[in-house]
C-alpha atoms as a PDB file:
ATOM      1  CA  MET A   1     100.355 115.806 139.641  1.00  0.00           C
ATOM      2  CA  ASN A   2      97.404 117.575 137.796  1.00  0.00           C
ATOM      3  CA  LYS A   3      98.450 120.826 135.160  1.00  0.00           C
ATOM      4  CA  GLU A   4      95.898 122.694 133.462  1.00  0.00           C
ATOM      5  CA  VAL A   5      96.198 122.776 129.534  1.00  0.00           C
ATOM      6  CA  GLN A   6      93.580 123.290 126.002  1.00  0.00           C
ATOM      7  CA  LEU A   7      92.784 120.369 123.920  1.00  0.00           C
ATOM      8  CA  ASP A   8      94.263 122.537 121.279  1.00  0.00           C
ATOM      9  CA  GLU A   9      97.419 121.043 122.965  1.00  0.00           C
ATOM     10  CA  VAL A  10      96.976 117.595 123.172  1.00  0.00           C
ATOM     11  CA  ILE A  11      94.733 116.853 120.434  1.00  0.00           C
ATOM     12  CA  GLU A  12      97.064 114.850 118.293  1.00  0.00           C
ATOM     13  CA  ILE A  13      98.144 113.385 121.770  1.00  0.00           C
ATOM     14  CA  ILE A  14      94.231 112.664 121.904  1.00  0.00           C
ATOM     15  CA  SER A  15      93.531 111.720 118.580  1.00  0.00           C
ATOM     16  CA  GLU A  16      96.503 109.042 118.560  1.00  0.00           C
ATOM     17  CA  LYS A  17      95.390 107.470 121.428  1.00  0.00           C
ATOM     18  CA  LEU A  18      92.267 107.304 120.708  1.00  0.00           C
ATOM     19  CA  LYS A  19      92.785 105.724 117.304  1.00  0.00           C
ATOM     20  CA  ALA A  20      95.013 102.957 119.327  1.00  0.00           C
ATOM     21  CA  GLY A  21      91.269 102.091 120.541  1.00  0.00           C
ATOM     22  CA  GLY A  22      92.555 103.383 124.107  1.00  0.00           C
ATOM     23  CA  THR A  23      90.540 106.242 126.269  1.00  0.00           C
ATOM     24  CA  VAL A  24      91.063 109.430 127.127  1.00  0.00           C
ATOM     25  CA  THR A  25      89.731 111.245 130.399  1.00  0.00           C
ATOM     26  CA  PHE A  26      89.548 115.170 131.472  1.00  0.00           C
ATOM     27  CA  THR A  27      87.296 117.204 133.112  1.00  0.00           C
ATOM     28  CA  PRO A  28      85.439 119.549 131.029  1.00  0.00           C
ATOM     29  CA  ASN A  29      84.743 123.636 131.718  1.00  0.00           C
ATOM     30  CA  GLY A  30      81.826 124.990 131.124  1.00  0.00           C
ATOM     31  CA  THR A  31      78.011 124.764 131.694  1.00  0.00           C
ATOM     32  CA  SER A  32      75.990 123.691 128.633  1.00  0.00           C
ATOM     33  CA  MET A  33      76.132 120.119 129.966  1.00  0.00           C
ATOM     34  CA  LEU A  34      74.366 120.943 133.588  1.00  0.00           C
ATOM     35  CA  PRO A  35      72.620 119.133 135.975  1.00  0.00           C
ATOM     36  CA  MET A  36      74.231 116.030 134.439  1.00  0.00           C
ATOM     37  CA  LEU A  37      78.493 117.493 134.150  1.00  0.00           C
ATOM     38  CA  ARG A  38      79.844 120.512 136.379  1.00  0.00           C
ATOM     39  CA  ASP A  39      82.186 122.935 135.320  1.00  0.00           C
ATOM     40  CA  GLY A  40      85.285 121.848 136.602  1.00  0.00           C
ATOM     41  CA  GLU A  41      84.559 119.378 138.458  1.00  0.00           C
ATOM     42  CA  ASP A  42      83.430 115.775 137.242  1.00  0.00           C
ATOM     43  CA  VAL A  43      85.447 114.129 135.383  1.00  0.00           C
ATOM     44  CA  VAL A  44      84.705 112.524 131.361  1.00  0.00           C
ATOM     45  CA  VAL A  45      85.751 109.679 129.982  1.00  0.00           C
ATOM     46  CA  LEU A  46      86.114 110.016 125.712  1.00  0.00           C
ATOM     47  CA  LYS A  47      86.393 106.907 123.507  1.00  0.00           C
ATOM     48  CA  GLY A  48      86.472 106.841 119.370  1.00  0.00           C
ATOM     49  CA  THR A  49      83.878 106.828 117.137  1.00  0.00           C
ATOM     50  CA  GLU A  50      85.153 103.818 115.309  1.00  0.00           C
ATOM     51  CA  GLY A  51      84.107 105.204 112.032  1.00  0.00           C
ATOM     52  CA  LYS A  52      80.923 104.388 113.815  1.00  0.00           C
ATOM     53  CA  ARG A  53      78.087 106.586 113.325  1.00  0.00           C
ATOM     54  CA  LEU A  54      76.543 108.349 116.006  1.00  0.00           C
ATOM     55  CA  HIS A  55      73.065 107.514 117.827  1.00  0.00           C
ATOM     56  CA  LEU A  56      70.516 109.217 119.711  1.00  0.00           C
ATOM     57  CA  PHE A  57      71.501 111.757 123.153  1.00  0.00           C
ATOM     58  CA  ASP A  58      75.319 109.704 122.580  1.00  0.00           C
ATOM     59  CA  VAL A  59      77.610 112.902 123.689  1.00  0.00           C
ATOM     60  CA  PRO A  60      80.517 113.352 121.424  1.00  0.00           C
ATOM     61  CA  LEU A  61      83.419 115.726 122.023  1.00  0.00           C
ATOM     62  CA  TYR A  62      83.952 117.804 118.272  1.00  0.00           C
ATOM     63  CA  ARG A  63      85.336 120.252 116.365  1.00  0.00           C
ATOM     64  CA  ARG A  64      82.933 123.613 115.610  1.00  0.00           C
ATOM     65  CA  ASP A  65      84.298 125.086 111.927  1.00  0.00           C
ATOM     66  CA  ASN A  66      85.236 128.076 114.356  1.00  0.00           C
ATOM     67  CA  GLY A  67      88.222 125.907 116.034  1.00  0.00           C
ATOM     68  CA  GLN A  68      86.040 124.967 119.234  1.00  0.00           C
ATOM     69  CA  TYR A  69      85.955 122.882 121.172  1.00  0.00           C
ATOM     70  CA  VAL A  70      82.175 121.551 122.060  1.00  0.00           C
ATOM     71  CA  LEU A  71      81.079 118.349 124.800  1.00  0.00           C
ATOM     72  CA  HIS A  72      76.951 118.521 124.029  1.00  0.00           C
ATOM     73  CA  ARG A  73      74.297 115.573 123.263  1.00  0.00           C
ATOM     74  CA  VAL A  74      72.569 114.788 119.879  1.00  0.00           C
ATOM     75  CA  ILE A  75      69.778 115.576 119.762  1.00  0.00           C
ATOM     76  CA  ASP A  76      68.694 114.776 116.094  1.00  0.00           C
ATOM     77  CA  PHE A  77      69.359 114.482 112.660  1.00  0.00           C
ATOM     78  CA  CYS A  78      69.639 116.348 109.812  1.00  0.00           C
ATOM     79  CA  ARG A  79      68.145 114.514 106.069  1.00  0.00           C
ATOM     80  CA  ASP A  80      71.766 114.874 105.182  1.00  0.00           C
ATOM     81  CA  GLY A  81      73.439 112.788 108.053  1.00  0.00           C
ATOM     82  CA  THR A  82      74.284 115.276 109.618  1.00  0.00           C
ATOM     83  CA  TYR A  83      74.027 115.972 113.649  1.00  0.00           C
ATOM     84  CA  VAL A  84      71.577 118.290 115.618  1.00  0.00           C
ATOM     85  CA  MET A  85      73.308 118.292 118.985  1.00  0.00           C
ATOM     86  CA  CYS A  86      72.893 120.849 122.000  1.00  0.00           C
ATOM     87  CA  GLY A  87      73.841 121.272 125.915  1.00  0.00           C
ATOM     88  CA  ASP A  88      71.581 119.824 128.353  1.00  0.00           C
ATOM     89  CA  ASN A  89      71.220 124.009 130.164  1.00  0.00           C
ATOM     90  CA  GLN A  90      70.957 125.095 126.801  1.00  0.00           C
ATOM     91  CA  PHE A  91      67.412 125.023 123.894  1.00  0.00           C
ATOM     92  CA  ALA A  92      69.565 126.052 120.918  1.00  0.00           C
ATOM     93  CA  LYS A  93      69.671 123.551 119.033  1.00  0.00           C
ATOM     94  CA  GLU A  94      73.354 123.382 116.417  1.00  0.00           C
ATOM     95  CA  LYS A  95      72.134 121.707 113.001  1.00  0.00           C
ATOM     96  CA  GLY A  96      75.129 120.424 110.184  1.00  0.00           C
ATOM     97  CA  ILE A  97      77.216 118.730 113.157  1.00  0.00           C
ATOM     98  CA  ARG A  98      79.457 115.949 110.976  1.00  0.00           C
ATOM     99  CA  ASP A  99      80.975 112.956 111.360  1.00  0.00           C
ATOM    100  CA  ASP A 100      84.380 114.556 110.105  1.00  0.00           C
ATOM    101  CA  GLN A 101      84.442 116.953 113.063  1.00  0.00           C
ATOM    102  CA  ILE A 102      83.566 114.099 115.660  1.00  0.00           C
ATOM    103  CA  ILE A 103      85.953 113.889 117.773  1.00  0.00           C
ATOM    104  CA  ALA A 104      85.475 111.103 120.633  1.00  0.00           C
ATOM    105  CA  VAL A 105      81.806 110.254 122.528  1.00  0.00           C
ATOM    106  CA  MET A 106      81.651 109.651 126.177  1.00  0.00           C
ATOM    107  CA  THR A 107      80.614 106.509 127.872  1.00  0.00           C
ATOM    108  CA  GLY A 108      80.897 107.914 130.901  1.00  0.00           C
ATOM    109  CA  PHE A 109      81.879 110.398 133.776  1.00  0.00           C
ATOM    110  CA  TYR A 110      83.086 110.557 137.638  1.00  0.00           C
ATOM    111  CA  ARG A 111      81.914 112.369 140.245  1.00  0.00           C
ATOM    112  CA  LYS A 112      83.225 112.494 143.548  1.00  0.00           C
ATOM    113  CA  GLY A 113      84.747 109.394 142.610  1.00  0.00           C
ATOM    114  CA  LYS A 114      81.667 107.715 141.950  1.00  0.00           C
ATOM    115  CA  THR A 115      80.917 105.713 137.929  1.00  0.00           C
ATOM    116  CA  TYR A 116      78.928 106.575 135.640  1.00  0.00           C
ATOM    117  CA  TYR A 117      78.009 104.584 132.106  1.00  0.00           C
ATOM    118  CA  LYS A 118      75.735 105.459 129.966  1.00  0.00           C
ATOM    119  CA  GLU A 119      74.598 101.684 129.764  1.00  0.00           C
ATOM    120  CA  SER A 120      73.235 102.519 133.521  1.00  0.00           C
ATOM    121  CA  PHE A 121      69.643 102.879 134.373  1.00  0.00           C
ATOM    122  CA  LEU A 122      69.939 106.184 136.683  1.00  0.00           C
ATOM    123  CA  TYR A 123      72.198 107.596 133.616  1.00  0.00           C
ATOM    124  CA  ARG A 124      69.271 105.763 131.050  1.00  0.00           C
ATOM    125  CA  LEU A 125      66.494 107.522 133.422  1.00  0.00           C
ATOM    126  CA  TYR A 126      67.871 110.523 133.909  1.00  0.00           C
ATOM    127  CA  ILE A 127      67.837 112.032 129.594  1.00  0.00           C
ATOM    128  CA  ASN A 128      64.494 110.534 129.482  1.00  0.00           C
ATOM    129  CA  PHE A 129      63.475 112.928 131.806  1.00  0.00           C
ATOM    130  CA  TRP A 130      66.110 115.620 130.469  1.00  0.00           C
ATOM    131  CA  TYR A 131      65.097 115.811 127.115  1.00  0.00           C
ATOM    132  CA  TYR A 132      60.756 114.625 127.034  1.00  0.00           C
ATOM    133  CA  THR A 133      61.072 117.657 129.629  1.00  0.00           C
ATOM    134  CA  ARG A 134      63.012 119.978 127.498  1.00  0.00           C
ATOM    135  CA  PRO A 135      59.550 121.764 125.955  1.00  0.00           C
ATOM    136  CA  PHE A 136      58.940 122.187 129.706  1.00  0.00           C
ATOM    137  CA  ARG A 137      62.032 123.537 131.624  1.00  0.00           C
ATOM    138  CA  HIS A 138      61.901 125.804 128.457  1.00  0.00           C
ATOM    139  CA  GLY A 139      58.910 127.535 128.367  1.00  0.00           C
ATOM    140  CA  TYR A 140      59.090 127.433 132.370  1.00  0.00           C
ATOM    141  CA  SER A 141      62.722 129.311 132.074  1.00  0.00           C
ATOM    142  CA  PHE A 142      60.752 131.718 129.727  1.00  0.00           C
ATOM    143  CA  SER A 143      58.263 132.357 131.740  1.00  0.00           C
ATOM    144  CA  ARG A 144      60.943 132.892 134.652  1.00  0.00           C
ATOM    145  CA  ARG A 145      63.000 135.340 132.641  1.00  0.00           C
ATOM    146  CA  LYS A 146      59.621 137.644 132.044  1.00  0.00           C
ATOM    147  CA  ALA A 147      58.615 137.824 135.376  1.00  0.00           C
ATOM    148  CA  SER A 148      62.032 138.732 136.270  1.00  0.00           C
ATOM    149  CA  GLY A 149      61.812 141.952 133.855  1.00  0.00           C
ATOM    150  CA  LEU A 150      58.055 142.970 134.937  1.00  0.00           C
ATOM    151  CA  ILE A 151      59.393 142.596 138.206  1.00  0.00           C
ATOM    152  CA  LYS A 152      62.781 144.653 138.052  1.00  0.00           C
ATOM    153  CA  LYS A 153      60.459 147.462 135.737  1.00  0.00           C
ATOM    154  CA  ILE A 154      58.014 147.093 138.296  1.00  0.00           C
ATOM    155  CA  ASN A 155      61.088 148.291 140.768  1.00  0.00           C
ATOM    156  CA  SER A 156      62.343 151.287 138.879  1.00  0.00           C
ATOM    157  CA  ASN A 157      59.558 152.439 138.425  1.00  0.00           C
ATOM    158  CA  LYS A 158      58.142 153.084 142.619  1.00  0.00           C
ATOM    159  CA  LYS A 159      61.760 154.555 142.940  1.00  0.00           C
END
């Protein structure tokens, strides 16, 4: 039986399991990691970092200073040793994420019974395509929003 719980309710159990070398699976909510992770549908597999630094494109579960849990991708590093994170479906970068905020790192995910590991060729292909087309996607998204606003304005002036 699956029961929906908040991470705050089970974070101690998760931390203990990860420290013992185990893995944890859960279904994330939200759209920030689309198209890779679908809201409430896909299941992520997490493991502890074992004190190691994250690598470019890793997807850690971390806790913001405000207490919110987030699953985003490492897209850069700051000079002070902190990380720059961003969801695959976002453009705003979140700077200053520290190692002490990192709870675990994703090793793969399940979608419709199929497993996708972060070492797989298709996953690596996705990451590279999604990351390196980011500037073009941002421009496309911006121009699409502007065009939509312009069309709405024209239509409202006709009435």
